[in-house]
């Protein structure tokens, strides 16, 4: 009898899904980062889940750890907290 063993990449993917709180959906939504009414930067939402999103940033400017992401089309702000940032990307979780 053989027992199936998960590969490292399958294990890493499962861990990432558990950490994120769900499957992320790929997208390309133009948005802005702001604090209150002050716009700080343009960005692109690259993927999104129930608990957070991956944001592409055009510059390496300093941003606050908690801010709002505003979809350019809907104008709806969503409060987020930065979880990580590197190489022009930022992972955020939604603050409820």
C-alpha atoms as a PDB file:
ATOM      1  CA  UNK A   1       0.000   0.000   0.000  1.00  0.00           C
ATOM      2  CA  UNK A   2       1.404   3.416  -0.887  1.00  0.00           C
ATOM      3  CA  UNK A   3       0.588   6.661   0.810  1.00  0.00           C
ATOM      4  CA  UNK A   4       0.462   9.812  -1.302  1.00  0.00           C
ATOM      5  CA  UNK A   5       2.937  12.441  -0.191  1.00  0.00           C
ATOM      6  CA  UNK A   6       2.394  16.111  -0.995  1.00  0.00           C
ATOM      7  CA  UNK A   7       5.196  17.875  -2.809  1.00  0.00           C
ATOM      8  CA  UNK A   8       6.767  20.977  -1.285  1.00  0.00           C
ATOM      9  CA  UNK A   9       4.973  23.252  -3.784  1.00  0.00           C
ATOM     10  CA  UNK A  10       1.587  21.623  -3.012  1.00  0.00           C
ATOM     11  CA  UNK A  11       2.285  22.055   0.705  1.00  0.00           C
ATOM     12  CA  UNK A  12       3.311  25.717   0.191  1.00  0.00           C
ATOM     13  CA  UNK A  13       0.144  26.396  -1.854  1.00  0.00           C
ATOM     14  CA  UNK A  14      -2.062  24.836   0.851  1.00  0.00           C
ATOM     15  CA  UNK A  15      -0.327  26.896   3.537  1.00  0.00           C
ATOM     16  CA  UNK A  16      -0.742  30.082   1.500  1.00  0.00           C
ATOM     17  CA  UNK A  17      -4.464  29.413   1.025  1.00  0.00           C
ATOM     18  CA  UNK A  18      -4.897  28.810   4.744  1.00  0.00           C
ATOM     19  CA  UNK A  19      -2.958  31.987   5.602  1.00  0.00           C
ATOM     20  CA  UNK A  20      -4.951  34.104   3.123  1.00  0.00           C
ATOM     21  CA  UNK A  21      -8.362  32.923   4.268  1.00  0.00           C
ATOM     22  CA  UNK A  22      -9.478  31.760   0.838  1.00  0.00           C
ATOM     23  CA  UNK A  23      -8.757  31.541  -2.848  1.00  0.00           C
ATOM     24  CA  UNK A  24      -7.649  34.735  -4.559  1.00  0.00           C
ATOM     25  CA  UNK A  25      -9.228  35.836  -7.814  1.00  0.00           C
ATOM     26  CA  UNK A  26      -6.935  37.393 -10.428  1.00  0.00           C
ATOM     27  CA  UNK A  27      -7.947  40.868 -11.561  1.00  0.00           C
ATOM     28  CA  UNK A  28      -6.463  44.146 -12.783  1.00  0.00           C
ATOM     29  CA  UNK A  29      -8.397  46.909 -11.045  1.00  0.00           C
ATOM     30  CA  UNK A  30      -7.078  50.462 -11.210  1.00  0.00           C
ATOM     31  CA  UNK A  31      -7.177  52.015  -7.753  1.00  0.00           C
ATOM     32  CA  UNK A  32      -5.733  54.712  -5.517  1.00  0.00           C
ATOM     33  CA  UNK A  33      -4.216  54.513  -2.060  1.00  0.00           C
ATOM     34  CA  UNK A  34      -5.384  57.234   0.282  1.00  0.00           C
ATOM     35  CA  UNK A  35      -5.591  58.278   3.916  1.00  0.00           C
ATOM     36  CA  UNK A  36      -8.755  60.246   4.596  1.00  0.00           C
ATOM     37  CA  UNK A  37      -9.180  62.532   1.592  1.00  0.00           C
ATOM     38  CA  UNK A  38      -5.428  62.680   0.821  1.00  0.00           C
ATOM     39  CA  UNK A  39      -4.436  60.573  -2.207  1.00  0.00           C
ATOM     40  CA  UNK A  40      -0.993  59.003  -1.776  1.00  0.00           C
ATOM     41  CA  UNK A  41      -0.434  56.803  -4.825  1.00  0.00           C
ATOM     42  CA  UNK A  42      -1.985  55.064  -7.805  1.00  0.00           C
ATOM     43  CA  UNK A  43      -1.951  51.271  -7.759  1.00  0.00           C
ATOM     44  CA  UNK A  44      -3.326  48.144  -9.431  1.00  0.00           C
ATOM     45  CA  UNK A  45      -5.206  45.459  -7.505  1.00  0.00           C
ATOM     46  CA  UNK A  46      -3.736  42.261  -9.012  1.00  0.00           C
ATOM     47  CA  UNK A  47      -5.765  39.707  -7.081  1.00  0.00           C
ATOM     48  CA  UNK A  48      -8.333  39.673  -4.321  1.00  0.00           C
ATOM     49  CA  UNK A  49      -9.919  37.298  -1.794  1.00  0.00           C
ATOM     50  CA  UNK A  50     -12.428  37.576   1.039  1.00  0.00           C
ATOM     51  CA  UNK A  51      -9.651  38.556   3.436  1.00  0.00           C
ATOM     52  CA  UNK A  52      -7.151  40.596   1.406  1.00  0.00           C
ATOM     53  CA  UNK A  53      -5.502  41.573  -1.847  1.00  0.00           C
ATOM     54  CA  UNK A  54      -2.239  41.860  -3.762  1.00  0.00           C
ATOM     55  CA  UNK A  55      -1.469  45.421  -4.814  1.00  0.00           C
ATOM     56  CA  UNK A  56       1.070  46.495  -7.465  1.00  0.00           C
ATOM     57  CA  UNK A  57       2.703  49.843  -6.709  1.00  0.00           C
ATOM     58  CA  UNK A  58       4.417  52.091  -9.283  1.00  0.00           C
ATOM     59  CA  UNK A  59       6.961  53.484  -6.790  1.00  0.00           C
ATOM     60  CA  UNK A  60       8.699  52.564  -3.557  1.00  0.00           C
ATOM     61  CA  UNK A  61       7.300  55.538  -1.640  1.00  0.00           C
ATOM     62  CA  UNK A  62       6.602  55.147   2.052  1.00  0.00           C
ATOM     63  CA  UNK A  63       2.965  54.348   2.815  1.00  0.00           C
ATOM     64  CA  UNK A  64       1.205  54.068   6.171  1.00  0.00           C
ATOM     65  CA  UNK A  65       0.564  50.548   7.465  1.00  0.00           C
ATOM     66  CA  UNK A  66      -3.199  51.238   7.525  1.00  0.00           C
ATOM     67  CA  UNK A  67      -4.776  53.122   4.614  1.00  0.00           C
ATOM     68  CA  UNK A  68      -7.663  52.957   2.165  1.00  0.00           C
ATOM     69  CA  UNK A  69      -7.697  51.425  -1.304  1.00  0.00           C
ATOM     70  CA  UNK A  70     -10.235  53.132  -3.571  1.00  0.00           C
ATOM     71  CA  UNK A  71     -11.441  51.474  -6.786  1.00  0.00           C
ATOM     72  CA  UNK A  72     -11.322  54.213  -9.445  1.00  0.00           C
ATOM     73  CA  UNK A  73     -14.587  53.068 -11.079  1.00  0.00           C
ATOM     74  CA  UNK A  74     -16.775  52.553  -8.002  1.00  0.00           C
ATOM     75  CA  UNK A  75     -15.101  55.181  -5.774  1.00  0.00           C
ATOM     76  CA  UNK A  76     -15.683  52.811  -2.830  1.00  0.00           C
ATOM     77  CA  UNK A  77     -12.926  52.964  -0.177  1.00  0.00           C
ATOM     78  CA  UNK A  78     -11.834  49.815   1.655  1.00  0.00           C
ATOM     79  CA  UNK A  79      -9.607  50.048   4.728  1.00  0.00           C
ATOM     80  CA  UNK A  80      -6.588  47.747   4.539  1.00  0.00           C
ATOM     81  CA  UNK A  81      -3.539  46.908   6.615  1.00  0.00           C
ATOM     82  CA  UNK A  82      -0.199  46.201   5.003  1.00  0.00           C
ATOM     83  CA  UNK A  83       0.985  42.644   5.705  1.00  0.00           C
ATOM     84  CA  UNK A  84       4.131  42.601   3.553  1.00  0.00           C
ATOM     85  CA  UNK A  85       5.817  44.642   0.833  1.00  0.00           C
ATOM     86  CA  UNK A  86       8.615  43.891  -1.643  1.00  0.00           C
ATOM     87  CA  UNK A  87       9.620  44.340  -5.286  1.00  0.00           C
ATOM     88  CA  UNK A  88       6.846  46.812  -6.127  1.00  0.00           C
ATOM     89  CA  UNK A  89       4.061  44.733  -4.585  1.00  0.00           C
ATOM     90  CA  UNK A  90       2.171  44.882  -1.306  1.00  0.00           C
ATOM     91  CA  UNK A  91      -0.003  42.249   0.360  1.00  0.00           C
ATOM     92  CA  UNK A  92      -2.857  43.672   2.413  1.00  0.00           C
ATOM     93  CA  UNK A  93      -5.621  42.319   4.606  1.00  0.00           C
ATOM     94  CA  UNK A  94      -9.008  43.982   4.882  1.00  0.00           C
ATOM     95  CA  UNK A  95      -9.719  45.755   8.177  1.00  0.00           C
ATOM     96  CA  UNK A  96     -13.275  45.128   9.313  1.00  0.00           C
END
